[in-house]
Every structure is written in structure tokens, then in C-alpha cells.
Amino acid sequence: MPTPNFFADDSPFLRHPLLTPERTASEVDFLLAHLDLDAQARVLDVGCGFGRHCIELARRGIAAVGIDPSPAMIAAAQERAAAAGVNAGFVCADGETFADDGEFDAAICLFTTLGQIGENGDNLTLVDNIFSFLRNGGGVVVETPQRDAAVRALKTTERFGDDNDYTNIERSFDADASVVTERFRVVSPQTERTFLLRYRLFSADELAGTLADAGFQAIERFADYSGTALGDDSPTMILIGRKP
């Protein structure tokens, strides 16, 4: 049996210990400030996962639509939105092929969504698709690891949980392909499952070039959601581009 994709049913991503409500609120503060969104704005979250950004945006009155290729993630997002009592829309779709009848004022593509590698290869063409459905003047925010700094900081092994219920993570980096592979072994008293995640890393110039090739301009670079300017030592990068 093939190893399940990281975003399949019972994914450890659904219990990620670092994705707290406080972190999500801080990230959305940054998004609203840098995308100049008002209460009438319509935002697309590409690779929405279990919907944490869409739900927080909806709490603040933004019309948020989340897309993700994983049925498990979309089901979790819908359940969490209902529990939060907010109206956020979720669609099971690839970012590369998603289509919509209207325009969006902004798009977000966060937490290493860009560069994900699946059965059909990577998903870099989603940048062109995002450009096509943004209104003129609309912005895109992309968050990924910054390759060289992220590789220097890469933890080859990591563990979360306690003695009876835990997740072991093993990571490796293929320098020729610029690809990180993460293998998650999730253990509980009842079950043991393994999940696989693979994604491509970029330098800041490569990511900026990908956005520019799609047509985005006025590209800004940040190291974090506090708005710190991007430096060579930042393991994470956030780039913002505008459709002219």
C-alpha cells in the first residue's frame, strides 16, 4: 500500500501543535493590513487546509473562499467553520485548475502550499491561475520556506506528543531537485500510520521571478508576519505581488 499523502484522512496536520488561534489571528492581521482589504472584499485561500485563515477572515466580515485538493481537509474546514458559526465557502479543487465566475480582490497561498509535489508533479502553475482570477490591482500573498536558510535550520528528526500518543518526523533534503521530504509516523495506543509530504524549496529571487513571470508587479518581501524585512537568514519568506 502506498504511503498516504500528508493531507489524507487522519492527517497529523489536523492536530498541528503550532497552528494556534493566536497565530492565525496575527497572520490575518498582517494580511488585512498589507492587502488593503475592506468589508466588501472577496479573498481566495489557495491550499486552505482545514480552513483556519478563511474562518478568521470570515469572522472579520471578509467573504472568504478556500480551495484544497484534499477531501479530508475540505471536510475538516467545513466542520470547523460550522462550529465557529461563520459563513466561509470551501471547494475541493486544485489551485492549478480552479475556476470561478467572479473576480477576487486578493489571494493567499500560505504555509508551503506553493511547491507541493503530488502524483502529477509540482503545482507551480497555480501562480498563473491565481493571476487570471484576480481583479486589476488585486494582491497575492505567498509564504514558503526560504531555501538556503531553511536547509541550514532543517531538523532531520522531530517528535511531538507524549509516550503513548505521538508523532515522529523524519526530514531530508535533495539538493539536486531542491525538494524536502518529510515522513510522519503517527502512533497512538490504537493505531500506527505513516504520512508523506514533499515540497520544492525556492530562493527569494526564484519565487519573485515566478510571480513576475505570471505578471505580478510591485513585489514586496518579508521575513515574518510582524513585517520584518526579508534577510538571508530568514527560514521563512512572505512575498506580496500586485496584478497591474
C-alpha atoms as a PDB file:
ATOM      1  CA  MET A   1       0.000   0.000   0.000  1.00  0.00           C
ATOM      2  CA  PRO A   2       1.418   3.444  -0.885  1.00  0.00           C
ATOM      3  CA  THR A   3       2.172   5.872   1.930  1.00  0.00           C
ATOM      4  CA  PRO A   4      -0.780   8.267   2.367  1.00  0.00           C
ATOM      5  CA  ASN A   5      -0.344  11.875   1.387  1.00  0.00           C
ATOM      6  CA  PHE A   6       0.161  14.171   4.378  1.00  0.00           C
ATOM      7  CA  PHE A   7      -3.263  15.751   3.813  1.00  0.00           C
ATOM      8  CA  ALA A   8      -5.258  12.492   3.762  1.00  0.00           C
ATOM      9  CA  ASP A   9      -7.771  11.349   6.378  1.00  0.00           C
ATOM     10  CA  ASP A  10      -6.453  11.475   9.967  1.00  0.00           C
ATOM     11  CA  SER A  11      -3.567  13.698   8.854  1.00  0.00           C
ATOM     12  CA  PRO A  12      -1.311  14.951  11.662  1.00  0.00           C
ATOM     13  CA  PHE A  13      -1.774  18.383  10.079  1.00  0.00           C
ATOM     14  CA  LEU A  14      -5.227  18.469  11.678  1.00  0.00           C
ATOM     15  CA  ARG A  15      -3.516  18.399  15.088  1.00  0.00           C
ATOM     16  CA  HIS A  16      -0.507  20.583  14.258  1.00  0.00           C
ATOM     17  CA  PRO A  17       0.676  21.917  17.656  1.00  0.00           C
ATOM     18  CA  LEU A  18       1.939  25.248  16.292  1.00  0.00           C
ATOM     19  CA  LEU A  19      -1.184  26.358  14.414  1.00  0.00           C
ATOM     20  CA  THR A  20      -2.853  28.108  17.320  1.00  0.00           C
ATOM     21  CA  PRO A  21      -5.786  30.567  17.102  1.00  0.00           C
ATOM     22  CA  GLU A  22      -3.426  33.309  18.272  1.00  0.00           C
ATOM     23  CA  ARG A  23      -1.003  32.606  15.443  1.00  0.00           C
ATOM     24  CA  THR A  24      -3.817  32.580  12.883  1.00  0.00           C
ATOM     25  CA  ALA A  25      -5.209  35.902  14.153  1.00  0.00           C
ATOM     26  CA  SER A  26      -1.776  37.510  13.930  1.00  0.00           C
ATOM     27  CA  GLU A  27      -1.304  36.251  10.381  1.00  0.00           C
ATOM     28  CA  VAL A  28      -4.697  37.583   9.328  1.00  0.00           C
ATOM     29  CA  ASP A  29      -3.847  40.959  10.889  1.00  0.00           C
ATOM     30  CA  PHE A  30      -0.850  41.091   8.533  1.00  0.00           C
ATOM     31  CA  LEU A  31      -2.892  40.027   5.516  1.00  0.00           C
ATOM     32  CA  LEU A  32      -5.575  42.637   6.052  1.00  0.00           C
ATOM     33  CA  ALA A  33      -3.020  45.392   6.572  1.00  0.00           C
ATOM     34  CA  HIS A  34      -0.907  44.587   3.512  1.00  0.00           C
ATOM     35  CA  LEU A  35      -3.707  43.719   1.097  1.00  0.00           C
ATOM     36  CA  ASP A  36      -5.785  46.832   1.895  1.00  0.00           C
ATOM     37  CA  LEU A  37      -8.975  44.797   2.196  1.00  0.00           C
ATOM     38  CA  ASP A  38     -12.315  46.256   3.234  1.00  0.00           C
ATOM     39  CA  ALA A  39     -15.568  44.634   4.338  1.00  0.00           C
ATOM     40  CA  GLN A  40     -16.657  44.119   0.726  1.00  0.00           C
ATOM     41  CA  ALA A  41     -13.513  42.232  -0.259  1.00  0.00           C
ATOM     42  CA  ARG A  42     -13.556  38.712  -1.687  1.00  0.00           C
ATOM     43  CA  VAL A  43     -10.494  36.578  -0.878  1.00  0.00           C
ATOM     44  CA  LEU A  44      -9.411  33.177  -2.163  1.00  0.00           C
ATOM     45  CA  ASP A  45      -7.298  30.925   0.048  1.00  0.00           C
ATOM     46  CA  VAL A  46      -5.365  28.548  -2.204  1.00  0.00           C
ATOM     47  CA  GLY A  47      -4.413  25.404  -0.290  1.00  0.00           C
ATOM     48  CA  CYS A  48      -6.684  26.325   2.603  1.00  0.00           C
ATOM     49  CA  GLY A  49      -6.076  23.146   4.599  1.00  0.00           C
ATOM     50  CA  PHE A  50      -8.565  22.909   7.445  1.00  0.00           C
ATOM     51  CA  GLY A  51      -9.650  26.489   6.846  1.00  0.00           C
ATOM     52  CA  ARG A  52      -8.032  28.423   9.658  1.00  0.00           C
ATOM     53  CA  HIS A  53      -7.377  31.606   7.628  1.00  0.00           C
ATOM     54  CA  CYS A  54     -10.740  31.518   5.844  1.00  0.00           C
ATOM     55  CA  ILE A  55     -12.571  31.128   9.136  1.00  0.00           C
ATOM     56  CA  GLU A  56     -10.691  34.026  10.728  1.00  0.00           C
ATOM     57  CA  LEU A  57     -11.258  36.217   7.663  1.00  0.00           C
ATOM     58  CA  ALA A  58     -14.967  35.382   7.746  1.00  0.00           C
ATOM     59  CA  ARG A  59     -15.098  36.334  11.439  1.00  0.00           C
ATOM     60  CA  ARG A  60     -13.937  39.782  10.355  1.00  0.00           C
ATOM     61  CA  GLY A  61     -16.552  40.153   7.660  1.00  0.00           C
ATOM     62  CA  ILE A  62     -14.450  39.208   4.637  1.00  0.00           C
ATOM     63  CA  ALA A  63     -16.028  36.947   2.002  1.00  0.00           C
ATOM     64  CA  ALA A  64     -13.541  34.075   2.064  1.00  0.00           C
ATOM     65  CA  VAL A  65     -13.404  31.046  -0.219  1.00  0.00           C
ATOM     66  CA  GLY A  66     -10.958  28.240   0.468  1.00  0.00           C
ATOM     67  CA  ILE A  67      -9.848  25.620  -2.039  1.00  0.00           C
ATOM     68  CA  ASP A  68      -7.806  22.499  -1.405  1.00  0.00           C
ATOM     69  CA  PRO A  69      -7.300  19.271  -3.391  1.00  0.00           C
ATOM     70  CA  SER A  70      -7.752  17.142  -0.274  1.00  0.00           C
ATOM     71  CA  PRO A  71     -11.322  15.995   0.534  1.00  0.00           C
ATOM     72  CA  ALA A  72     -10.193  15.384   4.124  1.00  0.00           C
ATOM     73  CA  MET A  73      -9.046  18.992   4.512  1.00  0.00           C
ATOM     74  CA  ILE A  74     -12.217  20.422   2.962  1.00  0.00           C
ATOM     75  CA  ALA A  75     -14.416  18.286   5.225  1.00  0.00           C
ATOM     76  CA  ALA A  76     -12.453  19.458   8.267  1.00  0.00           C
ATOM     77  CA  ALA A  77     -12.697  23.097   7.128  1.00  0.00           C
ATOM     78  CA  GLN A  78     -16.455  22.865   6.706  1.00  0.00           C
ATOM     79  CA  GLU A  79     -16.847  21.292  10.146  1.00  0.00           C
ATOM     80  CA  ARG A  80     -14.688  23.954  11.811  1.00  0.00           C
ATOM     81  CA  ALA A  81     -16.479  26.805  10.047  1.00  0.00           C
ATOM     82  CA  ALA A  82     -19.823  25.442  11.208  1.00  0.00           C
ATOM     83  CA  ALA A  83     -18.535  25.092  14.765  1.00  0.00           C
ATOM     84  CA  ALA A  84     -17.267  28.686  14.643  1.00  0.00           C
ATOM     85  CA  GLY A  85     -20.613  29.912  13.295  1.00  0.00           C
ATOM     86  CA  VAL A  86     -19.092  31.707  10.293  1.00  0.00           C
ATOM     87  CA  ASN A  87     -20.005  31.706   6.618  1.00  0.00           C
ATOM     88  CA  ALA A  88     -16.893  30.656   4.698  1.00  0.00           C
ATOM     89  CA  GLY A  89     -17.054  28.716   1.443  1.00  0.00           C
ATOM     90  CA  PHE A  90     -14.882  25.692   0.720  1.00  0.00           C
ATOM     91  CA  VAL A  91     -14.315  23.859  -2.572  1.00  0.00           C
ATOM     92  CA  CYS A  92     -12.331  20.693  -3.195  1.00  0.00           C
ATOM     93  CA  ALA A  93     -10.177  21.785  -6.141  1.00  0.00           C
ATOM     94  CA  ASP A  94      -6.589  22.097  -7.334  1.00  0.00           C
ATOM     95  CA  GLY A  95      -5.141  25.584  -7.408  1.00  0.00           C
ATOM     96  CA  GLU A  96      -3.862  24.906 -10.917  1.00  0.00           C
ATOM     97  CA  THR A  97      -7.306  24.263 -12.417  1.00  0.00           C
ATOM     98  CA  PHE A  98      -9.760  26.060 -10.133  1.00  0.00           C
ATOM     99  CA  ALA A  99     -12.271  28.272 -11.986  1.00  0.00           C
ATOM    100  CA  ASP A 100     -14.776  30.807 -10.694  1.00  0.00           C
ATOM    101  CA  ASP A 101     -17.398  33.020 -12.305  1.00  0.00           C
ATOM    102  CA  GLY A 102     -16.340  36.150 -10.415  1.00  0.00           C
ATOM    103  CA  GLU A 103     -13.159  38.024  -9.576  1.00  0.00           C
ATOM    104  CA  PHE A 104     -11.269  38.040  -6.298  1.00  0.00           C
ATOM    105  CA  ASP A 105      -9.768  41.081  -4.620  1.00  0.00           C
ATOM    106  CA  ALA A 106      -6.898  39.050  -3.197  1.00  0.00           C
ATOM    107  CA  ALA A 107      -5.497  35.556  -2.954  1.00  0.00           C
ATOM    108  CA  ILE A 108      -3.378  33.920  -0.288  1.00  0.00           C
ATOM    109  CA  CYS A 109      -1.170  30.869  -0.740  1.00  0.00           C
ATOM    110  CA  LEU A 110       0.401  30.140   2.634  1.00  0.00           C
ATOM    111  CA  PHE A 111       2.253  27.586   4.749  1.00  0.00           C
ATOM    112  CA  THR A 112       4.259  25.955   1.948  1.00  0.00           C
ATOM    113  CA  THR A 113       1.267  25.396  -0.341  1.00  0.00           C
ATOM    114  CA  LEU A 114       3.267  26.529  -3.380  1.00  0.00           C
ATOM    115  CA  GLY A 115       5.752  23.868  -4.417  1.00  0.00           C
ATOM    116  CA  GLN A 116       3.785  20.898  -3.092  1.00  0.00           C
ATOM    117  CA  ILE A 117       4.620  17.745  -5.039  1.00  0.00           C
ATOM    118  CA  GLY A 118       1.926  15.159  -5.711  1.00  0.00           C
ATOM    119  CA  GLU A 119       1.292  12.371  -8.153  1.00  0.00           C
ATOM    120  CA  ASN A 120       1.282  14.834 -11.072  1.00  0.00           C
ATOM    121  CA  GLY A 121       4.417  16.725 -10.080  1.00  0.00           C
ATOM    122  CA  ASP A 122       4.615  20.195  -8.553  1.00  0.00           C
ATOM    123  CA  ASN A 123       1.900  22.842  -8.559  1.00  0.00           C
ATOM    124  CA  LEU A 124       3.778  25.931  -9.777  1.00  0.00           C
ATOM    125  CA  THR A 125       1.216  26.712 -12.480  1.00  0.00           C
ATOM    126  CA  LEU A 126      -1.239  27.752  -9.781  1.00  0.00           C
ATOM    127  CA  VAL A 127       0.520  31.149  -9.758  1.00  0.00           C
ATOM    128  CA  ASP A 128      -0.652  31.787 -13.332  1.00  0.00           C
ATOM    129  CA  ASN A 129      -4.159  30.673 -12.408  1.00  0.00           C
ATOM    130  CA  ILE A 130      -4.243  32.996  -9.397  1.00  0.00           C
ATOM    131  CA  PHE A 131      -3.238  35.895 -11.645  1.00  0.00           C
ATOM    132  CA  SER A 132      -6.087  35.131 -14.042  1.00  0.00           C
ATOM    133  CA  PHE A 133      -8.903  35.402 -11.495  1.00  0.00           C
ATOM    134  CA  LEU A 134      -7.659  38.441  -9.542  1.00  0.00           C
ATOM    135  CA  ARG A 135      -9.127  41.833 -10.335  1.00  0.00           C
ATOM    136  CA  ASN A 136      -6.750  44.509 -11.590  1.00  0.00           C
ATOM    137  CA  GLY A 137      -4.925  45.869  -8.563  1.00  0.00           C
ATOM    138  CA  GLY A 138      -5.579  42.690  -6.589  1.00  0.00           C
ATOM    139  CA  GLY A 139      -2.827  41.264  -4.421  1.00  0.00           C
ATOM    140  CA  VAL A 140      -1.385  37.830  -3.775  1.00  0.00           C
ATOM    141  CA  VAL A 141       0.494  36.697  -0.678  1.00  0.00           C
ATOM    142  CA  VAL A 142       2.747  33.648  -0.917  1.00  0.00           C
ATOM    143  CA  GLU A 143       4.506  32.116   2.097  1.00  0.00           C
ATOM    144  CA  THR A 144       7.157  29.416   1.703  1.00  0.00           C
ATOM    145  CA  PRO A 145      10.462  28.454   3.297  1.00  0.00           C
ATOM    146  CA  GLN A 146      13.484  30.388   2.032  1.00  0.00           C
ATOM    147  CA  ARG A 147      15.657  27.614   0.665  1.00  0.00           C
ATOM    148  CA  ASP A 148      19.187  28.187   1.959  1.00  0.00           C
ATOM    149  CA  ALA A 149      18.202  29.380   5.427  1.00  0.00           C
ATOM    150  CA  ALA A 150      15.535  26.673   5.749  1.00  0.00           C
ATOM    151  CA  VAL A 151      18.017  23.946   4.801  1.00  0.00           C
ATOM    152  CA  ARG A 152      20.519  25.237   7.355  1.00  0.00           C
ATOM    153  CA  ALA A 153      17.798  25.123  10.018  1.00  0.00           C
ATOM    154  CA  LEU A 154      16.303  21.789   8.885  1.00  0.00           C
ATOM    155  CA  LYS A 155      15.603  19.387  11.741  1.00  0.00           C
ATOM    156  CA  THR A 156      16.168  15.901  10.389  1.00  0.00           C
ATOM    157  CA  THR A 157      14.184  14.373  13.255  1.00  0.00           C
ATOM    158  CA  GLU A 158      11.476  15.773  15.493  1.00  0.00           C
ATOM    159  CA  ARG A 159       8.826  14.439  17.828  1.00  0.00           C
ATOM    160  CA  PHE A 160       5.546  15.833  19.194  1.00  0.00           C
ATOM    161  CA  GLY A 161       3.283  14.311  21.816  1.00  0.00           C
ATOM    162  CA  ASP A 162       3.728  12.034  24.821  1.00  0.00           C
ATOM    163  CA  ASP A 163       4.845   8.448  25.376  1.00  0.00           C
ATOM    164  CA  ASN A 164       1.503   6.944  24.296  1.00  0.00           C
ATOM    165  CA  ASP A 165       0.300   9.316  21.582  1.00  0.00           C
ATOM    166  CA  TYR A 166       2.969  10.959  19.463  1.00  0.00           C
ATOM    167  CA  THR A 167       4.216  11.895  16.004  1.00  0.00           C
ATOM    168  CA  ASN A 168       7.763  11.229  14.814  1.00  0.00           C
ATOM    169  CA  ILE A 169       9.003  13.273  11.853  1.00  0.00           C
ATOM    170  CA  GLU A 170      11.969  12.434   9.618  1.00  0.00           C
ATOM    171  CA  ARG A 171      13.152  15.033   7.079  1.00  0.00           C
ATOM    172  CA  SER A 172      15.654  15.011   4.219  1.00  0.00           C
ATOM    173  CA  PHE A 173      16.641  17.478   1.509  1.00  0.00           C
ATOM    174  CA  ASP A 174      17.506  16.590  -2.090  1.00  0.00           C
ATOM    175  CA  ALA A 175      19.804  19.429  -3.174  1.00  0.00           C
ATOM    176  CA  ASP A 176      19.681  18.489  -6.874  1.00  0.00           C
ATOM    177  CA  ALA A 177      15.886  18.696  -7.009  1.00  0.00           C
ATOM    178  CA  SER A 178      15.607  21.317  -4.229  1.00  0.00           C
ATOM    179  CA  VAL A 179      12.972  19.109  -2.597  1.00  0.00           C
ATOM    180  CA  VAL A 180      12.272  18.403   1.073  1.00  0.00           C
ATOM    181  CA  THR A 181      10.747  15.039   2.004  1.00  0.00           C
ATOM    182  CA  GLU A 182       9.022  14.669   5.352  1.00  0.00           C
ATOM    183  CA  ARG A 183       7.814  11.341   6.695  1.00  0.00           C
ATOM    184  CA  PHE A 184       5.393  11.429   9.630  1.00  0.00           C
ATOM    185  CA  ARG A 185       4.850   8.348  11.806  1.00  0.00           C
ATOM    186  CA  VAL A 186       1.712   8.866  13.905  1.00  0.00           C
ATOM    187  CA  VAL A 187       1.411   6.482  16.854  1.00  0.00           C
ATOM    188  CA  SER A 188      -1.450   6.043  19.313  1.00  0.00           C
ATOM    189  CA  PRO A 189      -2.450   3.140  21.584  1.00  0.00           C
ATOM    190  CA  GLN A 190      -4.914   2.033  18.869  1.00  0.00           C
ATOM    191  CA  THR A 191      -3.078   2.640  15.581  1.00  0.00           C
ATOM    192  CA  GLU A 192       0.148   3.499  13.825  1.00  0.00           C
ATOM    193  CA  ARG A 193       0.129   5.334  10.460  1.00  0.00           C
ATOM    194  CA  THR A 194       2.732   6.931   8.219  1.00  0.00           C
ATOM    195  CA  PHE A 195       2.200  10.019   6.030  1.00  0.00           C
ATOM    196  CA  LEU A 196       4.405  11.569   3.355  1.00  0.00           C
ATOM    197  CA  LEU A 197       4.912  15.224   2.411  1.00  0.00           C
ATOM    198  CA  ARG A 198       7.172  16.509  -0.382  1.00  0.00           C
ATOM    199  CA  TYR A 199       7.658  20.108  -1.471  1.00  0.00           C
ATOM    200  CA  ARG A 200      10.068  22.195  -3.504  1.00  0.00           C
ATOM    201  CA  LEU A 201      12.111  24.993  -1.946  1.00  0.00           C
ATOM    202  CA  PHE A 202      12.903  28.331  -3.597  1.00  0.00           C
ATOM    203  CA  SER A 203      15.299  31.178  -3.105  1.00  0.00           C
ATOM    204  CA  ALA A 204      13.672  34.574  -2.699  1.00  0.00           C
ATOM    205  CA  ASP A 205      14.782  35.594  -6.185  1.00  0.00           C
ATOM    206  CA  GLU A 206      13.350  32.392  -7.687  1.00  0.00           C
ATOM    207  CA  LEU A 207       9.993  32.920  -6.003  1.00  0.00           C
ATOM    208  CA  ALA A 208       9.910  36.587  -7.011  1.00  0.00           C
ATOM    209  CA  GLY A 209      10.732  35.528 -10.568  1.00  0.00           C
ATOM    210  CA  THR A 210       7.875  33.018 -10.576  1.00  0.00           C
ATOM    211  CA  LEU A 211       5.456  35.763  -9.516  1.00  0.00           C
ATOM    212  CA  ALA A 212       6.870  38.223 -12.047  1.00  0.00           C
ATOM    213  CA  ASP A 213       6.659  35.664 -14.863  1.00  0.00           C
ATOM    214  CA  ALA A 214       2.934  35.300 -14.117  1.00  0.00           C
ATOM    215  CA  GLY A 215       2.507  39.084 -14.424  1.00  0.00           C
ATOM    216  CA  PHE A 216       2.668  40.263 -10.817  1.00  0.00           C
ATOM    217  CA  GLN A 217       4.415  43.547 -10.062  1.00  0.00           C
ATOM    218  CA  ALA A 218       5.465  45.643  -7.029  1.00  0.00           C
ATOM    219  CA  ILE A 219       6.703  42.511  -5.247  1.00  0.00           C
ATOM    220  CA  GLU A 220       7.454  43.035  -1.560  1.00  0.00           C
ATOM    221  CA  ARG A 221       9.476  40.654   0.608  1.00  0.00           C
ATOM    222  CA  PHE A 222       9.036  39.956   4.320  1.00  0.00           C
ATOM    223  CA  ALA A 223      10.590  37.525   6.792  1.00  0.00           C
ATOM    224  CA  ASP A 224       7.554  37.056   9.028  1.00  0.00           C
ATOM    225  CA  TYR A 225       4.056  38.238   9.875  1.00  0.00           C
ATOM    226  CA  SER A 226       5.448  41.048  12.001  1.00  0.00           C
ATOM    227  CA  GLY A 227       6.511  42.739   8.780  1.00  0.00           C
ATOM    228  CA  THR A 228      10.269  42.254   9.249  1.00  0.00           C
ATOM    229  CA  ALA A 229      12.207  42.828   6.046  1.00  0.00           C
ATOM    230  CA  LEU A 230      13.444  39.592   4.466  1.00  0.00           C
ATOM    231  CA  GLY A 231      17.081  38.769   5.115  1.00  0.00           C
ATOM    232  CA  ASP A 232      19.339  35.927   4.042  1.00  0.00           C
ATOM    233  CA  ASP A 233      18.994  34.242   7.451  1.00  0.00           C
ATOM    234  CA  SER A 234      15.206  34.071   7.496  1.00  0.00           C
ATOM    235  CA  PRO A 235      13.978  30.451   7.154  1.00  0.00           C
ATOM    236  CA  THR A 236      10.540  31.688   6.034  1.00  0.00           C
ATOM    237  CA  MET A 237       9.654  34.245   3.367  1.00  0.00           C
ATOM    238  CA  ILE A 238       6.435  36.049   2.564  1.00  0.00           C
ATOM    239  CA  LEU A 239       6.169  37.692  -0.833  1.00  0.00           C
ATOM    240  CA  ILE A 240       3.368  40.026  -1.880  1.00  0.00           C
ATOM    241  CA  GLY A 241       2.661  40.865  -5.521  1.00  0.00           C
ATOM    242  CA  ARG A 242       0.069  43.005  -7.292  1.00  0.00           C
ATOM    243  CA  LYS A 243      -1.798  42.442 -10.520  1.00  0.00           C
ATOM    244  CA  PRO A 244      -1.400  45.696 -12.530  1.00  0.00           C
END
